[in-house]
Protein backbone atom coordinates (compact mmCIF):
# COMPACT_ATOMS: atom_id res chain seq x y z
CA UNK A 1 0.00 0.00 0.00
CA UNK A 2 1.36 3.39 -0.95
CA UNK A 3 0.60 6.00 1.66
CA UNK A 4 3.01 8.61 0.24
CA UNK A 5 4.49 8.95 3.72
CA UNK A 6 8.10 8.40 4.62
CA UNK A 7 8.81 5.26 6.59
CA UNK A 8 11.87 3.41 7.82
CA UNK A 9 11.49 1.09 4.85
CA UNK A 10 11.31 3.89 2.29
CA UNK A 11 14.28 5.59 3.96
CA UNK A 12 16.35 2.40 3.63
CA UNK A 13 15.46 2.06 -0.05
CA UNK A 14 16.20 5.75 -0.70
CA UNK A 15 19.57 5.39 0.99
CA UNK A 16 20.25 2.44 -1.31
CA UNK A 17 19.55 4.60 -4.35
CA UNK A 18 21.55 7.63 -3.18
CA UNK A 19 24.67 5.71 -2.07
CA UNK A 20 25.66 4.57 -5.59
CA UNK A 21 25.02 8.10 -6.90
CA UNK A 22 27.50 9.48 -4.36
CA UNK A 23 30.08 6.71 -4.76
CA UNK A 24 30.04 6.67 -8.57
CA UNK A 25 29.36 10.32 -9.29
CA UNK A 26 26.50 9.31 -11.62
CA UNK A 27 22.79 10.00 -11.39
CA UNK A 28 20.49 7.06 -10.83
CA UNK A 29 18.79 7.66 -14.18
CA UNK A 30 19.78 10.15 -16.81
CA UNK A 31 16.73 10.53 -19.09
CA UNK A 32 18.74 12.37 -21.75
CA UNK A 33 21.29 9.57 -22.14
CA UNK A 34 19.91 7.08 -24.67
CA UNK A 35 23.03 4.92 -24.46
CA UNK A 36 22.38 4.23 -20.78
CA UNK A 37 19.95 1.31 -20.99
CA UNK A 38 20.69 0.12 -17.46
CA UNK A 39 19.86 1.98 -14.33
CA UNK A 40 22.68 2.83 -11.95
CA UNK A 41 21.74 0.13 -9.43
CA UNK A 42 21.72 -2.56 -12.13
CA UNK A 43 25.07 -1.34 -13.53
CA UNK A 44 26.69 -1.37 -10.08
CA UNK A 45 25.16 -4.78 -9.31
CA UNK A 46 26.60 -6.15 -12.57
CA UNK A 47 30.05 -4.93 -11.57
CA UNK A 48 29.57 -6.51 -8.13
CA UNK A 49 28.69 -9.82 -9.82
CA UNK A 50 31.86 -9.62 -11.92
CA UNK A 51 33.95 -8.98 -8.81
CA UNK A 52 34.79 -5.50 -10.09
CA UNK A 53 32.70 -3.31 -7.80
CA UNK A 54 35.59 -0.96 -7.10
CA UNK A 55 35.68 0.13 -10.75
CA UNK A 56 32.36 1.91 -10.19
CA UNK A 57 33.96 4.43 -7.82
CA UNK A 58 33.96 7.98 -9.16
CA UNK A 59 37.10 8.39 -11.29
CA UNK A 60 37.47 11.98 -10.06
CA UNK A 61 38.53 10.60 -6.67
CA UNK A 62 41.67 9.15 -8.24
CA UNK A 63 43.21 7.06 -5.48
CA UNK A 64 42.13 9.38 -2.68
CA UNK A 65 39.73 6.94 -1.00
CA UNK A 66 39.77 3.75 1.04
CA UNK A 67 38.83 0.88 -1.29
CA UNK A 68 37.49 -1.28 1.57
CA UNK A 69 35.19 1.51 2.74
CA UNK A 70 34.03 2.27 -0.82
CA UNK A 71 33.20 -1.40 -1.44
CA UNK A 72 31.39 -1.64 1.90
CA UNK A 73 29.39 1.50 1.13
CA UNK A 74 28.31 0.30 -2.31
CA UNK A 75 27.41 -3.18 -1.07
CA UNK A 76 25.31 -1.62 1.68
CA UNK A 77 23.65 0.52 -0.99
CA UNK A 78 22.84 -2.50 -3.16
CA UNK A 79 21.46 -4.31 -0.13
CA UNK A 80 19.21 -1.38 0.70
CA UNK A 81 17.95 -1.13 -2.89
CA UNK A 82 17.36 -4.89 -3.19
CA UNK A 83 14.39 -5.47 -5.54
CA UNK A 84 12.80 -7.82 -2.99
CA UNK A 85 11.73 -5.56 -0.13
CA UNK A 86 11.83 -8.50 2.29
CA UNK A 87 15.57 -8.84 1.67
CA UNK A 88 16.38 -5.23 2.56
CA UNK A 89 18.14 -4.55 5.86
CA UNK A 90 17.00 -2.55 8.82
CA UNK A 91 18.66 0.80 9.55
CA UNK A 92 20.50 -0.87 12.44
CA UNK A 93 21.90 -3.59 10.15
CA UNK A 94 23.15 -0.99 7.64
CA UNK A 95 24.89 0.99 10.38
CA UNK A 96 26.56 -2.16 11.67
CA UNK A 97 27.84 -3.02 8.18
CA UNK A 98 29.08 0.53 7.55
CA UNK A 99 30.89 0.53 10.90
CA UNK A 100 32.46 -2.87 10.06
CA UNK A 101 30.76 -4.35 13.14
CA UNK A 102 29.40 -7.27 11.11
CA UNK A 103 30.12 -9.00 7.84
CA UNK A 104 29.12 -7.60 4.47
CA UNK A 105 25.78 -8.85 3.17
CA UNK A 106 25.75 -11.88 0.94
CA UNK A 107 24.13 -10.69 -2.27
CA UNK A 108 23.46 -12.74 -5.39
CA UNK A 109 25.88 -12.05 -8.28
CA UNK A 110 23.01 -11.05 -10.55
CA UNK A 111 20.46 -8.45 -9.53
CA UNK A 112 17.21 -10.27 -8.72
CA UNK A 113 14.14 -9.39 -10.74
CA UNK A 114 11.43 -7.73 -8.71
CA UNK A 115 8.20 -9.68 -8.48
CA UNK A 116 4.87 -8.31 -7.47
CA UNK A 117 1.96 -10.31 -6.16
CA UNK A 118 -1.51 -9.08 -6.96
CA UNK A 119 -3.78 -9.51 -3.97
CA UNK A 120 -6.56 -11.97 -4.55
CA UNK A 121 -10.01 -10.78 -3.52
CA UNK A 122 -12.64 -13.31 -2.61
CA UNK A 123 -16.09 -13.25 -4.21
CA UNK A 124 -17.54 -12.06 -0.90
CA UNK A 125 -15.19 -9.09 -0.77
CA UNK A 126 -16.76 -5.68 -0.32
CA UNK A 127 -14.21 -4.21 -2.73
CA UNK A 128 -15.84 -3.53 -6.11
CA UNK A 129 -14.25 -5.32 -9.01
CA UNK A 130 -13.98 -4.25 -12.61
CA UNK A 131 -15.19 -6.67 -15.24
CA UNK A 132 -15.47 -6.32 -18.99
CA UNK A 133 -19.24 -5.99 -18.52
CA UNK A 134 -18.87 -3.11 -16.06
CA UNK A 135 -16.45 -1.37 -18.43
CA UNK A 136 -18.88 -1.68 -21.34
CA UNK A 137 -21.74 -0.28 -19.24
CA UNK A 138 -19.75 2.90 -18.68
CA UNK A 139 -19.46 3.55 -22.43
C-alpha atoms as a PDB file:
ATOM      1  CA  UNK A   1       0.000   0.000   0.000  1.00  0.00           C
ATOM      2  CA  UNK A   2       1.362   3.389  -0.954  1.00  0.00           C
ATOM      3  CA  UNK A   3       0.604   6.000   1.665  1.00  0.00           C
ATOM      4  CA  UNK A   4       3.005   8.613   0.235  1.00  0.00           C
ATOM      5  CA  UNK A   5       4.487   8.947   3.720  1.00  0.00           C
ATOM      6  CA  UNK A   6       8.102   8.404   4.624  1.00  0.00           C
ATOM      7  CA  UNK A   7       8.809   5.260   6.587  1.00  0.00           C
ATOM      8  CA  UNK A   8      11.872   3.411   7.821  1.00  0.00           C
ATOM      9  CA  UNK A   9      11.488   1.086   4.851  1.00  0.00           C
ATOM     10  CA  UNK A  10      11.306   3.887   2.292  1.00  0.00           C
ATOM     11  CA  UNK A  11      14.276   5.586   3.964  1.00  0.00           C
ATOM     12  CA  UNK A  12      16.348   2.401   3.633  1.00  0.00           C
ATOM     13  CA  UNK A  13      15.462   2.061  -0.052  1.00  0.00           C
ATOM     14  CA  UNK A  14      16.196   5.753  -0.699  1.00  0.00           C
ATOM     15  CA  UNK A  15      19.565   5.387   0.993  1.00  0.00           C
ATOM     16  CA  UNK A  16      20.247   2.439  -1.310  1.00  0.00           C
ATOM     17  CA  UNK A  17      19.551   4.599  -4.354  1.00  0.00           C
ATOM     18  CA  UNK A  18      21.545   7.628  -3.175  1.00  0.00           C
ATOM     19  CA  UNK A  19      24.666   5.715  -2.071  1.00  0.00           C
ATOM     20  CA  UNK A  20      25.660   4.572  -5.589  1.00  0.00           C
ATOM     21  CA  UNK A  21      25.024   8.097  -6.900  1.00  0.00           C
ATOM     22  CA  UNK A  22      27.501   9.482  -4.360  1.00  0.00           C
ATOM     23  CA  UNK A  23      30.078   6.712  -4.760  1.00  0.00           C
ATOM     24  CA  UNK A  24      30.040   6.669  -8.565  1.00  0.00           C
ATOM     25  CA  UNK A  25      29.364  10.323  -9.294  1.00  0.00           C
ATOM     26  CA  UNK A  26      26.504   9.312 -11.623  1.00  0.00           C
ATOM     27  CA  UNK A  27      22.791  10.001 -11.386  1.00  0.00           C
ATOM     28  CA  UNK A  28      20.494   7.060 -10.830  1.00  0.00           C
ATOM     29  CA  UNK A  29      18.788   7.659 -14.176  1.00  0.00           C
ATOM     30  CA  UNK A  30      19.781  10.149 -16.805  1.00  0.00           C
ATOM     31  CA  UNK A  31      16.734  10.530 -19.089  1.00  0.00           C
ATOM     32  CA  UNK A  32      18.737  12.374 -21.749  1.00  0.00           C
ATOM     33  CA  UNK A  33      21.285   9.574 -22.141  1.00  0.00           C
ATOM     34  CA  UNK A  34      19.907   7.083 -24.668  1.00  0.00           C
ATOM     35  CA  UNK A  35      23.034   4.915 -24.463  1.00  0.00           C
ATOM     36  CA  UNK A  36      22.376   4.228 -20.785  1.00  0.00           C
ATOM     37  CA  UNK A  37      19.953   1.307 -20.993  1.00  0.00           C
ATOM     38  CA  UNK A  38      20.687   0.120 -17.465  1.00  0.00           C
ATOM     39  CA  UNK A  39      19.859   1.980 -14.327  1.00  0.00           C
ATOM     40  CA  UNK A  40      22.676   2.833 -11.953  1.00  0.00           C
ATOM     41  CA  UNK A  41      21.738   0.129  -9.433  1.00  0.00           C
ATOM     42  CA  UNK A  42      21.716  -2.558 -12.134  1.00  0.00           C
ATOM     43  CA  UNK A  43      25.065  -1.342 -13.525  1.00  0.00           C
ATOM     44  CA  UNK A  44      26.689  -1.373 -10.075  1.00  0.00           C
ATOM     45  CA  UNK A  45      25.158  -4.784  -9.310  1.00  0.00           C
ATOM     46  CA  UNK A  46      26.597  -6.147 -12.574  1.00  0.00           C
ATOM     47  CA  UNK A  47      30.053  -4.927 -11.571  1.00  0.00           C
ATOM     48  CA  UNK A  48      29.570  -6.510  -8.135  1.00  0.00           C
ATOM     49  CA  UNK A  49      28.691  -9.823  -9.820  1.00  0.00           C
ATOM     50  CA  UNK A  50      31.859  -9.619 -11.923  1.00  0.00           C
ATOM     51  CA  UNK A  51      33.948  -8.977  -8.813  1.00  0.00           C
ATOM     52  CA  UNK A  52      34.790  -5.498 -10.088  1.00  0.00           C
ATOM     53  CA  UNK A  53      32.702  -3.307  -7.799  1.00  0.00           C
ATOM     54  CA  UNK A  54      35.589  -0.960  -7.097  1.00  0.00           C
ATOM     55  CA  UNK A  55      35.678   0.129 -10.755  1.00  0.00           C
ATOM     56  CA  UNK A  56      32.356   1.908 -10.189  1.00  0.00           C
ATOM     57  CA  UNK A  57      33.961   4.426  -7.816  1.00  0.00           C
ATOM     58  CA  UNK A  58      33.963   7.982  -9.157  1.00  0.00           C
ATOM     59  CA  UNK A  59      37.098   8.390 -11.287  1.00  0.00           C
ATOM     60  CA  UNK A  60      37.467  11.976 -10.060  1.00  0.00           C
ATOM     61  CA  UNK A  61      38.530  10.599  -6.673  1.00  0.00           C
ATOM     62  CA  UNK A  62      41.673   9.148  -8.240  1.00  0.00           C
ATOM     63  CA  UNK A  63      43.209   7.059  -5.485  1.00  0.00           C
ATOM     64  CA  UNK A  64      42.132   9.385  -2.681  1.00  0.00           C
ATOM     65  CA  UNK A  65      39.734   6.937  -1.001  1.00  0.00           C
ATOM     66  CA  UNK A  66      39.766   3.752   1.040  1.00  0.00           C
ATOM     67  CA  UNK A  67      38.826   0.876  -1.292  1.00  0.00           C
ATOM     68  CA  UNK A  68      37.494  -1.284   1.568  1.00  0.00           C
ATOM     69  CA  UNK A  69      35.192   1.514   2.739  1.00  0.00           C
ATOM     70  CA  UNK A  70      34.032   2.267  -0.817  1.00  0.00           C
ATOM     71  CA  UNK A  71      33.200  -1.396  -1.441  1.00  0.00           C
ATOM     72  CA  UNK A  72      31.387  -1.638   1.895  1.00  0.00           C
ATOM     73  CA  UNK A  73      29.392   1.501   1.133  1.00  0.00           C
ATOM     74  CA  UNK A  74      28.314   0.299  -2.308  1.00  0.00           C
ATOM     75  CA  UNK A  75      27.409  -3.179  -1.070  1.00  0.00           C
ATOM     76  CA  UNK A  76      25.307  -1.622   1.679  1.00  0.00           C
ATOM     77  CA  UNK A  77      23.648   0.523  -0.993  1.00  0.00           C
ATOM     78  CA  UNK A  78      22.842  -2.502  -3.164  1.00  0.00           C
ATOM     79  CA  UNK A  79      21.464  -4.314  -0.127  1.00  0.00           C
ATOM     80  CA  UNK A  80      19.209  -1.378   0.702  1.00  0.00           C
ATOM     81  CA  UNK A  81      17.954  -1.133  -2.889  1.00  0.00           C
ATOM     82  CA  UNK A  82      17.358  -4.892  -3.193  1.00  0.00           C
ATOM     83  CA  UNK A  83      14.394  -5.469  -5.539  1.00  0.00           C
ATOM     84  CA  UNK A  84      12.798  -7.820  -2.993  1.00  0.00           C
ATOM     85  CA  UNK A  85      11.734  -5.561  -0.134  1.00  0.00           C
ATOM     86  CA  UNK A  86      11.827  -8.501   2.286  1.00  0.00           C
ATOM     87  CA  UNK A  87      15.571  -8.844   1.665  1.00  0.00           C
ATOM     88  CA  UNK A  88      16.383  -5.226   2.563  1.00  0.00           C
ATOM     89  CA  UNK A  89      18.145  -4.545   5.857  1.00  0.00           C
ATOM     90  CA  UNK A  90      17.002  -2.546   8.816  1.00  0.00           C
ATOM     91  CA  UNK A  91      18.658   0.795   9.551  1.00  0.00           C
ATOM     92  CA  UNK A  92      20.504  -0.874  12.438  1.00  0.00           C
ATOM     93  CA  UNK A  93      21.904  -3.586  10.145  1.00  0.00           C
ATOM     94  CA  UNK A  94      23.145  -0.991   7.640  1.00  0.00           C
ATOM     95  CA  UNK A  95      24.888   0.988  10.377  1.00  0.00           C
ATOM     96  CA  UNK A  96      26.562  -2.163  11.669  1.00  0.00           C
ATOM     97  CA  UNK A  97      27.839  -3.016   8.181  1.00  0.00           C
ATOM     98  CA  UNK A  98      29.077   0.528   7.547  1.00  0.00           C
ATOM     99  CA  UNK A  99      30.892   0.525  10.902  1.00  0.00           C
ATOM    100  CA  UNK A 100      32.464  -2.869  10.061  1.00  0.00           C
ATOM    101  CA  UNK A 101      30.764  -4.353  13.137  1.00  0.00           C
ATOM    102  CA  UNK A 102      29.402  -7.265  11.112  1.00  0.00           C
ATOM    103  CA  UNK A 103      30.115  -9.000   7.838  1.00  0.00           C
ATOM    104  CA  UNK A 104      29.118  -7.604   4.472  1.00  0.00           C
ATOM    105  CA  UNK A 105      25.784  -8.846   3.167  1.00  0.00           C
ATOM    106  CA  UNK A 106      25.747 -11.884   0.938  1.00  0.00           C
ATOM    107  CA  UNK A 107      24.130 -10.686  -2.273  1.00  0.00           C
ATOM    108  CA  UNK A 108      23.463 -12.736  -5.395  1.00  0.00           C
ATOM    109  CA  UNK A 109      25.885 -12.055  -8.277  1.00  0.00           C
ATOM    110  CA  UNK A 110      23.009 -11.052 -10.554  1.00  0.00           C
ATOM    111  CA  UNK A 111      20.463  -8.453  -9.531  1.00  0.00           C
ATOM    112  CA  UNK A 112      17.213 -10.268  -8.717  1.00  0.00           C
ATOM    113  CA  UNK A 113      14.142  -9.395 -10.737  1.00  0.00           C
ATOM    114  CA  UNK A 114      11.428  -7.731  -8.708  1.00  0.00           C
ATOM    115  CA  UNK A 115       8.202  -9.678  -8.483  1.00  0.00           C
ATOM    116  CA  UNK A 116       4.866  -8.311  -7.469  1.00  0.00           C
ATOM    117  CA  UNK A 117       1.964 -10.307  -6.164  1.00  0.00           C
ATOM    118  CA  UNK A 118      -1.509  -9.079  -6.960  1.00  0.00           C
ATOM    119  CA  UNK A 119      -3.781  -9.505  -3.971  1.00  0.00           C
ATOM    120  CA  UNK A 120      -6.561 -11.975  -4.548  1.00  0.00           C
ATOM    121  CA  UNK A 121     -10.008 -10.785  -3.525  1.00  0.00           C
ATOM    122  CA  UNK A 122     -12.642 -13.308  -2.608  1.00  0.00           C
ATOM    123  CA  UNK A 123     -16.095 -13.249  -4.206  1.00  0.00           C
ATOM    124  CA  UNK A 124     -17.539 -12.058  -0.899  1.00  0.00           C
ATOM    125  CA  UNK A 125     -15.188  -9.089  -0.767  1.00  0.00           C
ATOM    126  CA  UNK A 126     -16.761  -5.684  -0.317  1.00  0.00           C
ATOM    127  CA  UNK A 127     -14.208  -4.211  -2.730  1.00  0.00           C
ATOM    128  CA  UNK A 128     -15.843  -3.535  -6.106  1.00  0.00           C
ATOM    129  CA  UNK A 129     -14.255  -5.323  -9.013  1.00  0.00           C
ATOM    130  CA  UNK A 130     -13.976  -4.251 -12.611  1.00  0.00           C
ATOM    131  CA  UNK A 131     -15.192  -6.666 -15.242  1.00  0.00           C
ATOM    132  CA  UNK A 132     -15.468  -6.325 -18.990  1.00  0.00           C
ATOM    133  CA  UNK A 133     -19.241  -5.990 -18.518  1.00  0.00           C
ATOM    134  CA  UNK A 134     -18.874  -3.105 -16.061  1.00  0.00           C
ATOM    135  CA  UNK A 135     -16.450  -1.371 -18.428  1.00  0.00           C
ATOM    136  CA  UNK A 136     -18.879  -1.678 -21.338  1.00  0.00           C
ATOM    137  CA  UNK A 137     -21.738  -0.277 -19.238  1.00  0.00           C
ATOM    138  CA  UNK A 138     -19.746   2.897 -18.681  1.00  0.00           C
ATOM    139  CA  UNK A 139     -19.457   3.554 -22.433  1.00  0.00           C
END
